[in-house]
Amino acid sequence: MVGVVVAIGEDGGMATVAEWIEGARVRTLPNSVAPVLVGAGAAVAGGGFSWGRAVLALVVSLSLQVGVNYANDYSDGVRGTDADRVGPLRLVGSGVATPGSVKGAAFACFGIGAVAGLVLVALSGYWWLLLLGAVSIAGAWFYTGGDKPYGYSGWGEVAVFLFFGVFAVLGTEYVQTGRVSWVGVGGAVAMGGFSAAVLVANNLRDVPTDRVAGKNTLAVRLGEERTRVLYAALVVLPFLVSVALVLWTPWALVGVVAVVLVVPGLKLVLGKETGLNLIPVLKQTGLAMLLWAAVTTAVLALAR
């Protein structure tokens, strides 16, 4: 998906394969895998699961996730908002790759996602979903791209909830079953909560540098204290969904096991940790999302 193996940086160096992989922000990929799992689980519960369509949905989700990561790297890098970061490597901001090569990698990923999406729509016959795909790609680019990126205005968490929760879960279910179920809606809320929590933790970490750079994320607008409360509220949502899914099967409560991965990160956030100390929260939240999704999907499949 990277599209470019190495690229000459502004200082004459070359980005290695390892740096491209780090720039893809692999730790964020649970955000794209978990919603497809849950959508597939909802499809199984509805009696309409298809391996082929589920795999295509996963390709679309992963491609757009890596694409948006490269797009953010490019846009933040050329704006200079990555000049002083405490987080993972930024390809453009660090100078290890040229802006053009990173932008090209982003659009290569978007292209892969678009092709997989087109095949998926053709198989399902729901051509109106092309509009949803176009909106998703536009949302990925304009998060930090364009003249007025919405990620700089505090709308990032809302977009993540929609794209990695509502669109990803319900879209995956719909292309397989032709309908949306209340089980799928519950899963969408859970995945949206987890995904938004990952971004909240990321933006909480970056509040000092984002404020200086004029990047008015939701965390900057709310302030650190209220952002910490927001994170806590978002990671609680999936466990409330587990309780609600008891109406489908009592085994849905097994999803609560993911709390063991949430608690360490929650302690760091509510313990008022800052900067580099918050980096583990992103990984812990992402893994909790993946565990919740895998367990809940397995339960839905077995109950069916």
C-alpha atoms as a PDB file:
ATOM      1  CA  MET A   1       0.000   0.000   0.000  1.00  0.00           C
ATOM      2  CA  VAL A   2       2.888   2.316   0.581  1.00  0.00           C
ATOM      3  CA  GLY A   3       3.433   2.780  -3.132  1.00  0.00           C
ATOM      4  CA  VAL A   4       6.970   4.130  -2.629  1.00  0.00           C
ATOM      5  CA  VAL A   5       9.762   2.104  -1.082  1.00  0.00           C
ATOM      6  CA  VAL A   6      12.258   4.880  -0.490  1.00  0.00           C
ATOM      7  CA  ALA A   7      12.315   8.598  -1.137  1.00  0.00           C
ATOM      8  CA  ILE A   8      15.025  11.214  -1.075  1.00  0.00           C
ATOM      9  CA  GLY A   9      14.535  13.555   1.844  1.00  0.00           C
ATOM     10  CA  GLU A  10      15.009  17.294   1.903  1.00  0.00           C
ATOM     11  CA  ASP A  11      18.406  16.829   3.513  1.00  0.00           C
ATOM     12  CA  GLY A  12      19.551  14.439   0.801  1.00  0.00           C
ATOM     13  CA  GLY A  13      18.924  11.281   2.847  1.00  0.00           C
ATOM     14  CA  MET A  14      16.583   8.471   1.985  1.00  0.00           C
ATOM     15  CA  ALA A  15      13.587   7.166   3.868  1.00  0.00           C
ATOM     16  CA  THR A  16      14.053   3.492   4.612  1.00  0.00           C
ATOM     17  CA  VAL A  17      11.361   0.832   4.395  1.00  0.00           C
ATOM     18  CA  ALA A  18      11.225   0.826   8.195  1.00  0.00           C
ATOM     19  CA  GLU A  19      10.644   4.590   8.205  1.00  0.00           C
ATOM     20  CA  TRP A  20       7.851   4.264   5.647  1.00  0.00           C
ATOM     21  CA  ILE A  21       6.240   1.613   7.818  1.00  0.00           C
ATOM     22  CA  GLU A  22       6.591   3.825  10.890  1.00  0.00           C
ATOM     23  CA  GLY A  23       5.159   6.727   8.897  1.00  0.00           C
ATOM     24  CA  ALA A  24       2.143   4.558   8.076  1.00  0.00           C
ATOM     25  CA  ARG A  25       1.476   4.497  11.859  1.00  0.00           C
ATOM     26  CA  VAL A  26       0.873   0.775  12.104  1.00  0.00           C
ATOM     27  CA  ARG A  27      -0.346   1.167  15.684  1.00  0.00           C
ATOM     28  CA  THR A  28      -3.466   2.910  14.373  1.00  0.00           C
ATOM     29  CA  LEU A  29      -4.479   0.008  12.119  1.00  0.00           C
ATOM     30  CA  PRO A  30      -6.800  -1.588  14.707  1.00  0.00           C
ATOM     31  CA  ASN A  31      -9.005   1.418  13.889  1.00  0.00           C
ATOM     32  CA  SER A  32      -9.592  -0.055  10.444  1.00  0.00           C
ATOM     33  CA  VAL A  33      -9.501  -3.801  11.203  1.00  0.00           C
ATOM     34  CA  ALA A  34     -11.819  -3.827  14.228  1.00  0.00           C
ATOM     35  CA  PRO A  35     -14.844  -2.106  12.591  1.00  0.00           C
ATOM     36  CA  VAL A  36     -14.783  -4.544   9.673  1.00  0.00           C
ATOM     37  CA  LEU A  37     -14.665  -7.446  12.128  1.00  0.00           C
ATOM     38  CA  VAL A  38     -17.703  -6.099  13.962  1.00  0.00           C
ATOM     39  CA  GLY A  39     -19.552  -5.406  10.719  1.00  0.00           C
ATOM     40  CA  ALA A  40     -18.833  -8.967   9.610  1.00  0.00           C
ATOM     41  CA  GLY A  41     -20.085 -10.228  12.979  1.00  0.00           C
ATOM     42  CA  ALA A  42     -23.313  -8.297  12.521  1.00  0.00           C
ATOM     43  CA  ALA A  43     -23.620  -9.812   9.037  1.00  0.00           C
ATOM     44  CA  VAL A  44     -23.211 -13.306  10.485  1.00  0.00           C
ATOM     45  CA  ALA A  45     -25.868 -12.502  13.087  1.00  0.00           C
ATOM     46  CA  GLY A  46     -28.138 -11.419  10.241  1.00  0.00           C
ATOM     47  CA  GLY A  47     -27.471 -14.576   8.223  1.00  0.00           C
ATOM     48  CA  GLY A  48     -25.768 -12.894   5.290  1.00  0.00           C
ATOM     49  CA  PHE A  49     -22.008 -13.260   5.781  1.00  0.00           C
ATOM     50  CA  SER A  50     -19.702 -13.366   2.725  1.00  0.00           C
ATOM     51  CA  TRP A  51     -15.953 -14.002   3.029  1.00  0.00           C
ATOM     52  CA  GLY A  52     -15.203 -12.268  -0.262  1.00  0.00           C
ATOM     53  CA  ARG A  53     -17.088  -9.097   0.559  1.00  0.00           C
ATOM     54  CA  ALA A  54     -15.706  -9.003   4.086  1.00  0.00           C
ATOM     55  CA  VAL A  55     -12.128  -9.223   2.769  1.00  0.00           C
ATOM     56  CA  LEU A  56     -12.788  -6.472   0.223  1.00  0.00           C
ATOM     57  CA  ALA A  57     -14.243  -4.287   2.961  1.00  0.00           C
ATOM     58  CA  LEU A  58     -11.065  -4.891   4.980  1.00  0.00           C
ATOM     59  CA  VAL A  59      -8.869  -3.869   2.031  1.00  0.00           C
ATOM     60  CA  VAL A  60     -10.896  -0.669   1.636  1.00  0.00           C
ATOM     61  CA  SER A  61     -10.642   0.123   5.340  1.00  0.00           C
ATOM     62  CA  LEU A  62      -6.903  -0.571   5.630  1.00  0.00           C
ATOM     63  CA  SER A  63      -6.099   1.363   2.451  1.00  0.00           C
ATOM     64  CA  LEU A  64      -7.989   4.438   3.592  1.00  0.00           C
ATOM     65  CA  GLN A  65      -6.423   4.230   7.065  1.00  0.00           C
ATOM     66  CA  VAL A  66      -2.855   4.121   5.750  1.00  0.00           C
ATOM     67  CA  GLY A  67      -3.768   6.748   3.158  1.00  0.00           C
ATOM     68  CA  VAL A  68      -5.092   9.191   5.738  1.00  0.00           C
ATOM     69  CA  ASN A  69      -1.997   8.643   7.874  1.00  0.00           C
ATOM     70  CA  TYR A  70       0.273   9.583   4.976  1.00  0.00           C
ATOM     71  CA  ALA A  71      -2.029  12.450   4.002  1.00  0.00           C
ATOM     72  CA  ASN A  72      -1.844  13.849   7.538  1.00  0.00           C
ATOM     73  CA  ASP A  73       1.943  13.461   7.504  1.00  0.00           C
ATOM     74  CA  TYR A  74       2.098  15.411   4.236  1.00  0.00           C
ATOM     75  CA  SER A  75      -0.340  18.176   5.156  1.00  0.00           C
ATOM     76  CA  ASP A  76       1.002  18.737   8.678  1.00  0.00           C
ATOM     77  CA  GLY A  77       4.552  18.607   7.356  1.00  0.00           C
ATOM     78  CA  VAL A  78       4.131  21.264   4.662  1.00  0.00           C
ATOM     79  CA  ARG A  79       2.282  23.500   7.120  1.00  0.00           C
ATOM     80  CA  GLY A  80       5.063  23.165   9.674  1.00  0.00           C
ATOM     81  CA  THR A  81       2.795  21.854  12.440  1.00  0.00           C
ATOM     82  CA  ASP A  82       4.992  18.746  12.751  1.00  0.00           C
ATOM     83  CA  ALA A  83       8.155  20.741  13.384  1.00  0.00           C
ATOM     84  CA  ASP A  84       8.077  20.056  17.127  1.00  0.00           C
ATOM     85  CA  ARG A  85       6.374  16.732  17.860  1.00  0.00           C
ATOM     86  CA  VAL A  86       6.617  14.352  20.789  1.00  0.00           C
ATOM     87  CA  GLY A  87       5.003  11.450  18.962  1.00  0.00           C
ATOM     88  CA  PRO A  88       6.152   8.928  16.326  1.00  0.00           C
ATOM     89  CA  LEU A  89       8.251   9.766  13.256  1.00  0.00           C
ATOM     90  CA  ARG A  90       6.749  12.152  10.711  1.00  0.00           C
ATOM     91  CA  LEU A  91       8.233  11.586   7.275  1.00  0.00           C
ATOM     92  CA  VAL A  92       7.858  15.126   5.961  1.00  0.00           C
ATOM     93  CA  GLY A  93       8.340  16.946   9.256  1.00  0.00           C
ATOM     94  CA  SER A  94      11.594  15.091   9.959  1.00  0.00           C
ATOM     95  CA  GLY A  95      12.877  15.597   6.409  1.00  0.00           C
ATOM     96  CA  VAL A  96      13.468  11.910   5.689  1.00  0.00           C
ATOM     97  CA  ALA A  97      11.072  11.968   2.714  1.00  0.00           C
ATOM     98  CA  THR A  98       9.933  14.640   0.292  1.00  0.00           C
ATOM     99  CA  PRO A  99       6.405  16.065   0.573  1.00  0.00           C
ATOM    100  CA  GLY A 100       5.663  14.910  -2.971  1.00  0.00           C
ATOM    101  CA  SER A 101       6.574  11.294  -2.287  1.00  0.00           C
ATOM    102  CA  VAL A 102       4.442  11.164   0.865  1.00  0.00           C
ATOM    103  CA  LYS A 103       1.513  12.780  -0.935  1.00  0.00           C
ATOM    104  CA  GLY A 104       1.947  10.227  -3.726  1.00  0.00           C
ATOM    105  CA  ALA A 105       1.899   7.365  -1.214  1.00  0.00           C
ATOM    106  CA  ALA A 106      -1.322   8.745   0.275  1.00  0.00           C
ATOM    107  CA  PHE A 107      -3.073   8.898  -3.073  1.00  0.00           C
ATOM    108  CA  ALA A 108      -1.759   5.459  -4.043  1.00  0.00           C
ATOM    109  CA  CYS A 109      -3.464   4.078  -0.935  1.00  0.00           C
ATOM    110  CA  PHE A 110      -6.658   5.974  -1.723  1.00  0.00           C
ATOM    111  CA  GLY A 111      -6.531   4.487  -5.221  1.00  0.00           C
ATOM    112  CA  ILE A 112      -6.235   0.943  -3.884  1.00  0.00           C
ATOM    113  CA  GLY A 113      -9.167   1.596  -1.579  1.00  0.00           C
ATOM    114  CA  ALA A 114     -11.219   3.045  -4.422  1.00  0.00           C
ATOM    115  CA  VAL A 115     -10.609   0.028  -6.678  1.00  0.00           C
ATOM    116  CA  ALA A 116     -11.456  -2.460  -3.914  1.00  0.00           C
ATOM    117  CA  GLY A 117     -14.538  -0.405  -3.075  1.00  0.00           C
ATOM    118  CA  LEU A 118     -15.662  -0.370  -6.687  1.00  0.00           C
ATOM    119  CA  VAL A 119     -15.386  -4.162  -6.880  1.00  0.00           C
ATOM    120  CA  LEU A 120     -17.304  -4.477  -3.610  1.00  0.00           C
ATOM    121  CA  VAL A 121     -20.080  -2.210  -4.836  1.00  0.00           C
ATOM    122  CA  ALA A 122     -20.284  -4.098  -8.130  1.00  0.00           C
ATOM    123  CA  LEU A 123     -20.637  -7.406  -6.282  1.00  0.00           C
ATOM    124  CA  SER A 124     -23.285  -6.082  -3.917  1.00  0.00           C
ATOM    125  CA  GLY A 125     -25.185  -4.095  -6.526  1.00  0.00           C
ATOM    126  CA  TYR A 126     -25.650  -1.131  -4.182  1.00  0.00           C
ATOM    127  CA  TRP A 127     -24.232   1.532  -6.467  1.00  0.00           C
ATOM    128  CA  TRP A 128     -25.275   4.403  -4.233  1.00  0.00           C
ATOM    129  CA  LEU A 129     -22.457   3.287  -1.900  1.00  0.00           C
ATOM    130  CA  LEU A 130     -20.021   4.887  -4.365  1.00  0.00           C
ATOM    131  CA  LEU A 131     -21.117   8.203  -2.866  1.00  0.00           C
ATOM    132  CA  LEU A 132     -20.209   6.911   0.588  1.00  0.00           C
ATOM    133  CA  GLY A 133     -16.786   5.903  -0.715  1.00  0.00           C
ATOM    134  CA  ALA A 134     -16.210   9.318  -2.285  1.00  0.00           C
ATOM    135  CA  VAL A 135     -17.195  11.032   0.968  1.00  0.00           C
ATOM    136  CA  SER A 136     -14.804   8.778   2.898  1.00  0.00           C
ATOM    137  CA  ILE A 137     -11.849   9.589   0.635  1.00  0.00           C
ATOM    138  CA  ALA A 138     -12.654  13.302   0.751  1.00  0.00           C
ATOM    139  CA  GLY A 139     -12.933  13.094   4.531  1.00  0.00           C
ATOM    140  CA  ALA A 140      -9.541  11.394   4.712  1.00  0.00           C
ATOM    141  CA  TRP A 141      -7.847  14.102   2.654  1.00  0.00           C
ATOM    142  CA  PHE A 142      -9.513  17.196   4.084  1.00  0.00           C
ATOM    143  CA  TYR A 143      -8.930  16.132   7.707  1.00  0.00           C
ATOM    144  CA  THR A 144      -5.651  18.045   7.539  1.00  0.00           C
ATOM    145  CA  GLY A 145      -5.566  18.902   3.813  1.00  0.00           C
ATOM    146  CA  GLY A 146      -6.958  21.832   1.880  1.00  0.00           C
ATOM    147  CA  ASP A 147      -7.267  25.467   2.873  1.00  0.00           C
ATOM    148  CA  LYS A 148      -9.562  24.840   5.837  1.00  0.00           C
ATOM    149  CA  PRO A 149      -8.872  21.362   7.276  1.00  0.00           C
ATOM    150  CA  TYR A 150     -11.663  20.311   9.606  1.00  0.00           C
ATOM    151  CA  GLY A 151      -9.201  18.495  11.861  1.00  0.00           C
ATOM    152  CA  TYR A 152      -7.782  21.913  12.771  1.00  0.00           C
ATOM    153  CA  SER A 153     -11.218  23.126  13.832  1.00  0.00           C
ATOM    154  CA  GLY A 154     -12.157  20.504  16.404  1.00  0.00           C
ATOM    155  CA  TRP A 155     -14.214  18.170  14.176  1.00  0.00           C
ATOM    156  CA  GLY A 156     -11.725  15.318  13.976  1.00  0.00           C
ATOM    157  CA  GLU A 157     -13.322  13.158  16.663  1.00  0.00           C
ATOM    158  CA  VAL A 158     -16.767  13.494  15.098  1.00  0.00           C
ATOM    159  CA  ALA A 159     -15.366  12.442  11.721  1.00  0.00           C
ATOM    160  CA  VAL A 160     -13.517   9.468  13.202  1.00  0.00           C
ATOM    161  CA  PHE A 161     -16.682   8.330  15.000  1.00  0.00           C
ATOM    162  CA  LEU A 162     -18.571   8.471  11.704  1.00  0.00           C
ATOM    163  CA  PHE A 163     -15.953   7.005   9.363  1.00  0.00           C
ATOM    164  CA  PHE A 164     -14.471   4.298  11.613  1.00  0.00           C
ATOM    165  CA  GLY A 165     -17.676   3.613  13.487  1.00  0.00           C
ATOM    166  CA  VAL A 166     -20.881   4.237  11.573  1.00  0.00           C
ATOM    167  CA  PHE A 167     -19.616   3.987   7.984  1.00  0.00           C
ATOM    168  CA  ALA A 168     -17.135   1.129   8.473  1.00  0.00           C
ATOM    169  CA  VAL A 169     -19.305  -1.151  10.609  1.00  0.00           C
ATOM    170  CA  LEU A 170     -22.666  -0.540   8.983  1.00  0.00           C
ATOM    171  CA  GLY A 171     -21.166  -0.392   5.493  1.00  0.00           C
ATOM    172  CA  THR A 172     -19.519  -3.786   6.013  1.00  0.00           C
ATOM    173  CA  GLU A 173     -22.789  -5.236   7.273  1.00  0.00           C
ATOM    174  CA  TYR A 174     -24.892  -3.659   4.527  1.00  0.00           C
ATOM    175  CA  VAL A 175     -22.857  -4.913   1.551  1.00  0.00           C
ATOM    176  CA  GLN A 176     -23.304  -8.449   2.883  1.00  0.00           C
ATOM    177  CA  THR A 177     -26.897  -8.465   4.128  1.00  0.00           C
ATOM    178  CA  GLY A 178     -28.553  -5.560   2.334  1.00  0.00           C
ATOM    179  CA  ARG A 179     -29.772  -4.097   5.607  1.00  0.00           C
ATOM    180  CA  VAL A 180     -28.683  -2.510   8.877  1.00  0.00           C
ATOM    181  CA  SER A 181     -29.542  -4.244  12.161  1.00  0.00           C
ATOM    182  CA  TRP A 182     -29.673  -2.951  15.709  1.00  0.00           C
ATOM    183  CA  VAL A 183     -26.750  -5.283  16.470  1.00  0.00           C
ATOM    184  CA  GLY A 184     -24.764  -3.489  13.786  1.00  0.00           C
ATOM    185  CA  VAL A 185     -25.755  -0.081  15.151  1.00  0.00           C
ATOM    186  CA  GLY A 186     -24.542  -1.129  18.589  1.00  0.00           C
ATOM    187  CA  GLY A 187     -21.261  -2.290  17.106  1.00  0.00           C
ATOM    188  CA  ALA A 188     -20.922   0.995  15.217  1.00  0.00           C
ATOM    189  CA  VAL A 189     -21.322   2.965  18.446  1.00  0.00           C
ATOM    190  CA  ALA A 190     -18.710   0.796  20.165  1.00  0.00           C
ATOM    191  CA  MET A 191     -16.173   1.135  17.354  1.00  0.00           C
ATOM    192  CA  GLY A 192     -16.852   4.851  17.004  1.00  0.00           C
ATOM    193  CA  GLY A 193     -16.238   5.284  20.721  1.00  0.00           C
ATOM    194  CA  PHE A 194     -12.958   3.403  20.674  1.00  0.00           C
ATOM    195  CA  SER A 195     -11.706   5.096  17.491  1.00  0.00           C
ATOM    196  CA  ALA A 196     -12.563   8.576  18.725  1.00  0.00           C
ATOM    197  CA  ALA A 197     -10.865   7.753  22.042  1.00  0.00           C
ATOM    198  CA  VAL A 198      -7.619   6.940  20.197  1.00  0.00           C
ATOM    199  CA  LEU A 199      -7.711  10.349  18.511  1.00  0.00           C
ATOM    200  CA  VAL A 200      -8.607  12.092  21.776  1.00  0.00           C
ATOM    201  CA  ALA A 201      -5.569  10.518  23.447  1.00  0.00           C
ATOM    202  CA  ASN A 202      -3.379  11.524  20.505  1.00  0.00           C
ATOM    203  CA  ASN A 203      -4.620  15.114  20.565  1.00  0.00           C
ATOM    204  CA  LEU A 204      -4.366  15.308  24.367  1.00  0.00           C
ATOM    205  CA  ARG A 205      -0.694  14.421  24.035  1.00  0.00           C
ATOM    206  CA  ASP A 206      -0.204  17.158  21.425  1.00  0.00           C
ATOM    207  CA  VAL A 207      -2.151  19.980  23.122  1.00  0.00           C
ATOM    208  CA  PRO A 208       0.926  22.144  23.929  1.00  0.00           C
ATOM    209  CA  THR A 209       2.433  21.942  20.426  1.00  0.00           C
ATOM    210  CA  ASP A 210      -0.923  22.135  18.622  1.00  0.00           C
ATOM    211  CA  ARG A 211      -1.873  25.253  20.561  1.00  0.00           C
ATOM    212  CA  VAL A 212       1.359  26.964  19.528  1.00  0.00           C
ATOM    213  CA  ALA A 213       0.929  25.850  15.898  1.00  0.00           C
ATOM    214  CA  GLY A 214      -2.641  27.177  15.782  1.00  0.00           C
ATOM    215  CA  LYS A 215      -4.100  23.690  15.364  1.00  0.00           C
ATOM    216  CA  ASN A 216      -7.390  23.997  17.260  1.00  0.00           C
ATOM    217  CA  THR A 217      -8.239  20.355  17.818  1.00  0.00           C
ATOM    218  CA  LEU A 218     -11.104  19.413  20.095  1.00  0.00           C
ATOM    219  CA  ALA A 219      -8.560  18.801  22.871  1.00  0.00           C
ATOM    220  CA  VAL A 220      -7.203  22.337  22.470  1.00  0.00           C
ATOM    221  CA  ARG A 221     -10.719  23.763  22.514  1.00  0.00           C
ATOM    222  CA  LEU A 222     -11.887  21.763  25.544  1.00  0.00           C
ATOM    223  CA  GLY A 223      -8.706  22.040  27.547  1.00  0.00           C
ATOM    224  CA  GLU A 224      -6.810  19.132  29.047  1.00  0.00           C
ATOM    225  CA  GLU A 225      -9.117  18.427  32.008  1.00  0.00           C
ATOM    226  CA  ARG A 226     -12.316  18.103  29.999  1.00  0.00           C
ATOM    227  CA  THR A 227     -10.485  16.164  27.293  1.00  0.00           C
ATOM    228  CA  ARG A 228      -9.489  13.569  29.882  1.00  0.00           C
ATOM    229  CA  VAL A 229     -13.141  13.217  30.923  1.00  0.00           C
ATOM    230  CA  LEU A 230     -14.136  12.854  27.259  1.00  0.00           C
ATOM    231  CA  TYR A 231     -11.624  10.037  26.789  1.00  0.00           C
ATOM    232  CA  ALA A 232     -13.053   8.203  29.800  1.00  0.00           C
ATOM    233  CA  ALA A 233     -16.619   8.571  28.479  1.00  0.00           C
ATOM    234  CA  LEU A 234     -15.672   7.255  25.033  1.00  0.00           C
ATOM    235  CA  VAL A 235     -13.917   4.113  26.290  1.00  0.00           C
ATOM    236  CA  VAL A 236     -16.914   3.287  28.488  1.00  0.00           C
ATOM    237  CA  LEU A 237     -19.299   3.256  25.489  1.00  0.00           C
ATOM    238  CA  PRO A 238     -18.270  -0.158  24.093  1.00  0.00           C
ATOM    239  CA  PHE A 239     -18.890  -1.854  27.433  1.00  0.00           C
ATOM    240  CA  LEU A 240     -22.372  -0.365  27.595  1.00  0.00           C
ATOM    241  CA  VAL A 241     -22.916  -1.860  24.140  1.00  0.00           C
ATOM    242  CA  SER A 242     -21.777  -5.253  25.475  1.00  0.00           C
ATOM    243  CA  VAL A 243     -24.491  -5.003  28.113  1.00  0.00           C
ATOM    244  CA  ALA A 244     -27.098  -4.056  25.494  1.00  0.00           C
ATOM    245  CA  LEU A 245     -26.094  -6.989  23.254  1.00  0.00           C
ATOM    246  CA  VAL A 246     -27.169  -9.335  26.029  1.00  0.00           C
ATOM    247  CA  LEU A 247     -30.587  -8.970  24.398  1.00  0.00           C
ATOM    248  CA  TRP A 248     -29.110 -10.907  21.459  1.00  0.00           C
ATOM    249  CA  THR A 249     -27.013 -13.350  23.473  1.00  0.00           C
ATOM    250  CA  PRO A 250     -25.915 -13.350  27.139  1.00  0.00           C
ATOM    251  CA  TRP A 251     -22.441 -14.313  25.947  1.00  0.00           C
ATOM    252  CA  ALA A 252     -22.009 -10.768  24.630  1.00  0.00           C
ATOM    253  CA  LEU A 253     -20.838  -9.826  28.113  1.00  0.00           C
ATOM    254  CA  VAL A 254     -17.579 -11.636  27.332  1.00  0.00           C
ATOM    255  CA  GLY A 255     -16.627  -8.485  25.398  1.00  0.00           C
ATOM    256  CA  VAL A 256     -16.112  -6.784  28.745  1.00  0.00           C
ATOM    257  CA  VAL A 257     -12.787  -8.667  28.941  1.00  0.00           C
ATOM    258  CA  ALA A 258     -11.322  -5.800  26.887  1.00  0.00           C
ATOM    259  CA  VAL A 259     -11.486  -3.636  29.997  1.00  0.00           C
ATOM    260  CA  VAL A 260      -8.160  -5.160  31.098  1.00  0.00           C
ATOM    261  CA  LEU A 261      -6.506  -3.305  28.211  1.00  0.00           C
ATOM    262  CA  VAL A 262      -8.457  -0.095  28.786  1.00  0.00           C
ATOM    263  CA  VAL A 263      -7.643   0.336  32.469  1.00  0.00           C
ATOM    264  CA  PRO A 264      -3.868   1.023  32.118  1.00  0.00           C
ATOM    265  CA  GLY A 265      -4.448   3.767  29.565  1.00  0.00           C
ATOM    266  CA  LEU A 266      -7.349   5.187  31.541  1.00  0.00           C
ATOM    267  CA  LYS A 267      -5.114   5.457  34.587  1.00  0.00           C
ATOM    268  CA  LEU A 268      -2.545   7.421  32.595  1.00  0.00           C
ATOM    269  CA  VAL A 269      -5.158   9.780  31.157  1.00  0.00           C
ATOM    270  CA  LEU A 270      -6.993  10.401  34.425  1.00  0.00           C
ATOM    271  CA  GLY A 271      -3.666  10.490  36.260  1.00  0.00           C
ATOM    272  CA  LYS A 272      -2.865  13.687  34.354  1.00  0.00           C
ATOM    273  CA  GLU A 273       0.099  12.270  32.444  1.00  0.00           C
ATOM    274  CA  THR A 274       1.314  14.407  29.534  1.00  0.00           C
ATOM    275  CA  GLY A 275       3.521  14.268  26.453  1.00  0.00           C
ATOM    276  CA  LEU A 276       5.488  11.095  25.803  1.00  0.00           C
ATOM    277  CA  ASN A 277       3.866   9.405  28.798  1.00  0.00           C
ATOM    278  CA  LEU A 278       0.577   9.334  26.894  1.00  0.00           C
ATOM    279  CA  ILE A 279       1.941   7.459  23.861  1.00  0.00           C
ATOM    280  CA  PRO A 280       1.174   4.008  25.362  1.00  0.00           C
ATOM    281  CA  VAL A 281      -2.478   5.035  25.672  1.00  0.00           C
ATOM    282  CA  LEU A 282      -2.895   4.972  21.892  1.00  0.00           C
ATOM    283  CA  LYS A 283      -1.601   1.402  21.654  1.00  0.00           C
ATOM    284  CA  GLN A 284      -3.598   0.219  24.669  1.00  0.00           C
ATOM    285  CA  THR A 285      -6.822   1.748  23.383  1.00  0.00           C
ATOM    286  CA  GLY A 286      -6.289   0.337  19.903  1.00  0.00           C
ATOM    287  CA  LEU A 287      -5.604  -3.155  21.249  1.00  0.00           C
ATOM    288  CA  ALA A 288      -8.663  -2.939  23.518  1.00  0.00           C
ATOM    289  CA  MET A 289     -10.748  -2.059  20.471  1.00  0.00           C
ATOM    290  CA  LEU A 290      -9.343  -5.002  18.540  1.00  0.00           C
ATOM    291  CA  LEU A 291      -9.929  -7.406  21.432  1.00  0.00           C
ATOM    292  CA  TRP A 292     -13.507  -6.174  21.966  1.00  0.00           C
ATOM    293  CA  ALA A 293     -14.191  -6.535  18.246  1.00  0.00           C
ATOM    294  CA  ALA A 294     -12.686 -10.026  17.964  1.00  0.00           C
ATOM    295  CA  VAL A 295     -14.467 -11.382  21.046  1.00  0.00           C
ATOM    296  CA  THR A 296     -17.809  -9.805  20.185  1.00  0.00           C
ATOM    297  CA  THR A 297     -17.622 -10.997  16.576  1.00  0.00           C
ATOM    298  CA  ALA A 298     -16.838 -14.546  17.704  1.00  0.00           C
ATOM    299  CA  VAL A 299     -19.758 -14.451  20.149  1.00  0.00           C
ATOM    300  CA  LEU A 300     -22.165 -13.206  17.478  1.00  0.00           C
ATOM    301  CA  ALA A 301     -21.007 -15.923  15.088  1.00  0.00           C
ATOM    302  CA  LEU A 302     -21.315 -18.704  17.656  1.00  0.00           C
ATOM    303  CA  ALA A 303     -24.709 -17.478  18.836  1.00  0.00           C
ATOM    304  CA  ARG A 304     -25.931 -17.574  15.242  1.00  0.00           C
END
